[in-house]
Amino acid sequence: MPADQPEWITSAQQALGRRIRDARVYANLTQEQLAARAEIDRSTIQRIEGGKTDAKFSHLLRVADALNVNVRDLLR
């Protein structure tokens, strides 16, 4: 994540990560289980949940599908 990134983007990434983590915990899944269901690396899930990366839209779609939620709910 670039150091010169505006704070509002960083805040939005962190909020997205919290929503994904909350949905994962509600679904009673570990990061590893979610990663397997979404067919992406666990380290990617970890970085997204931590707000440490710009999540690819394809990853968000896979995560939403794996959690059985609408991607719109993750982005709210």
C-alpha atoms as a PDB file:
ATOM      1  CA  MET A   1       0.000   0.000   0.000  1.00  0.00           C
ATOM      2  CA  PRO A   2       1.530   3.335  -1.029  1.00  0.00           C
ATOM      3  CA  ALA A   3       2.656   5.584   1.817  1.00  0.00           C
ATOM      4  CA  ASP A   4       1.103   8.613   0.111  1.00  0.00           C
ATOM      5  CA  GLN A   5      -2.355   7.052   0.013  1.00  0.00           C
ATOM      6  CA  PRO A   6      -5.133   9.374   1.252  1.00  0.00           C
ATOM      7  CA  GLU A   7      -6.463   8.592   4.719  1.00  0.00           C
ATOM      8  CA  TRP A   8     -10.030   8.109   3.445  1.00  0.00           C
ATOM      9  CA  ILE A   9      -8.850   5.246   1.224  1.00  0.00           C
ATOM     10  CA  THR A  10      -6.955   3.634   4.093  1.00  0.00           C
ATOM     11  CA  SER A  11     -10.035   3.968   6.312  1.00  0.00           C
ATOM     12  CA  ALA A  12     -12.246   2.406   3.642  1.00  0.00           C
ATOM     13  CA  GLN A  13      -9.851  -0.540   3.224  1.00  0.00           C
ATOM     14  CA  GLN A  14      -9.827  -1.109   6.973  1.00  0.00           C
ATOM     15  CA  ALA A  15     -13.631  -0.948   7.148  1.00  0.00           C
ATOM     16  CA  LEU A  16     -13.913  -3.452   4.297  1.00  0.00           C
ATOM     17  CA  GLY A  17     -11.499  -5.756   6.085  1.00  0.00           C
ATOM     18  CA  ARG A  18     -13.536  -5.563   9.296  1.00  0.00           C
ATOM     19  CA  ARG A  19     -16.766  -6.376   7.440  1.00  0.00           C
ATOM     20  CA  ILE A  20     -15.149  -9.393   5.782  1.00  0.00           C
ATOM     21  CA  ARG A  21     -13.675 -10.569   9.088  1.00  0.00           C
ATOM     22  CA  ASP A  22     -17.032 -10.140  10.839  1.00  0.00           C
ATOM     23  CA  ALA A  23     -18.836 -12.093   8.098  1.00  0.00           C
ATOM     24  CA  ARG A  24     -16.191 -14.832   8.262  1.00  0.00           C
ATOM     25  CA  VAL A  25     -16.460 -15.108  12.048  1.00  0.00           C
ATOM     26  CA  TYR A  26     -20.275 -15.124  11.814  1.00  0.00           C
ATOM     27  CA  ALA A  27     -19.971 -17.991   9.301  1.00  0.00           C
ATOM     28  CA  ASN A  28     -17.694 -19.745  11.829  1.00  0.00           C
ATOM     29  CA  LEU A  29     -14.818 -20.009   9.357  1.00  0.00           C
ATOM     30  CA  THR A  30     -11.098 -19.606   9.838  1.00  0.00           C
ATOM     31  CA  GLN A  31      -9.086 -17.532   7.387  1.00  0.00           C
ATOM     32  CA  GLU A  32      -7.725 -20.770   5.982  1.00  0.00           C
ATOM     33  CA  GLN A  33     -11.214 -22.203   5.457  1.00  0.00           C
ATOM     34  CA  LEU A  34     -12.424 -19.025   3.788  1.00  0.00           C
ATOM     35  CA  ALA A  35      -9.365 -18.958   1.552  1.00  0.00           C
ATOM     36  CA  ALA A  36      -9.997 -22.560   0.491  1.00  0.00           C
ATOM     37  CA  ARG A  37     -13.657 -21.830  -0.284  1.00  0.00           C
ATOM     38  CA  ALA A  38     -12.765 -18.652  -2.175  1.00  0.00           C
ATOM     39  CA  GLU A  39      -9.815 -20.350  -3.901  1.00  0.00           C
ATOM     40  CA  ILE A  40      -7.345 -17.614  -2.957  1.00  0.00           C
ATOM     41  CA  ASP A  41      -4.309 -17.612  -0.667  1.00  0.00           C
ATOM     42  CA  ARG A  42      -4.828 -17.330   3.084  1.00  0.00           C
ATOM     43  CA  SER A  43      -2.226 -14.558   3.131  1.00  0.00           C
ATOM     44  CA  THR A  44      -4.448 -12.573   0.757  1.00  0.00           C
ATOM     45  CA  ILE A  45      -7.404 -12.991   3.124  1.00  0.00           C
ATOM     46  CA  GLN A  46      -5.161 -11.893   5.989  1.00  0.00           C
ATOM     47  CA  ARG A  47      -4.004  -8.749   4.137  1.00  0.00           C
ATOM     48  CA  ILE A  48      -7.558  -7.844   3.058  1.00  0.00           C
ATOM     49  CA  GLU A  49      -8.950  -8.306   6.571  1.00  0.00           C
ATOM     50  CA  GLY A  50      -6.091  -6.244   7.959  1.00  0.00           C
ATOM     51  CA  GLY A  51      -6.775  -3.423   5.493  1.00  0.00           C
ATOM     52  CA  LYS A  52      -3.220  -3.784   4.217  1.00  0.00           C
ATOM     53  CA  THR A  53      -3.941  -4.192   0.502  1.00  0.00           C
ATOM     54  CA  ASP A  54      -6.122  -3.019  -2.327  1.00  0.00           C
ATOM     55  CA  ALA A  55      -8.422  -5.993  -2.757  1.00  0.00           C
ATOM     56  CA  LYS A  56      -8.954  -7.104  -6.342  1.00  0.00           C
ATOM     57  CA  PHE A  57     -12.599  -7.035  -7.327  1.00  0.00           C
ATOM     58  CA  SER A  58     -12.316 -10.696  -8.365  1.00  0.00           C
ATOM     59  CA  HIS A  59     -11.165 -11.524  -4.817  1.00  0.00           C
ATOM     60  CA  LEU A  60     -14.110  -9.639  -3.341  1.00  0.00           C
ATOM     61  CA  LEU A  61     -16.492 -11.561  -5.580  1.00  0.00           C
ATOM     62  CA  ARG A  62     -14.932 -14.877  -4.543  1.00  0.00           C
ATOM     63  CA  VAL A  63     -14.982 -13.965  -0.833  1.00  0.00           C
ATOM     64  CA  ALA A  64     -18.607 -12.821  -0.998  1.00  0.00           C
ATOM     65  CA  ASP A  65     -19.594 -16.046  -2.752  1.00  0.00           C
ATOM     66  CA  ALA A  66     -17.674 -18.161  -0.226  1.00  0.00           C
ATOM     67  CA  LEU A  67     -19.396 -16.329   2.638  1.00  0.00           C
ATOM     68  CA  ASN A  68     -22.773 -16.548   0.899  1.00  0.00           C
ATOM     69  CA  VAL A  69     -23.253 -12.777   1.067  1.00  0.00           C
ATOM     70  CA  ASN A  70     -23.749 -10.127  -1.571  1.00  0.00           C
ATOM     71  CA  VAL A  71     -20.563  -8.255  -2.465  1.00  0.00           C
ATOM     72  CA  ARG A  72     -22.604  -5.062  -2.088  1.00  0.00           C
ATOM     73  CA  ASP A  73     -22.961  -5.856   1.638  1.00  0.00           C
ATOM     74  CA  LEU A  74     -19.185  -6.039   2.000  1.00  0.00           C
ATOM     75  CA  LEU A  75     -18.741  -2.685   0.269  1.00  0.00           C
ATOM     76  CA  ARG A  76     -21.446  -0.748   2.135  1.00  0.00           C
END
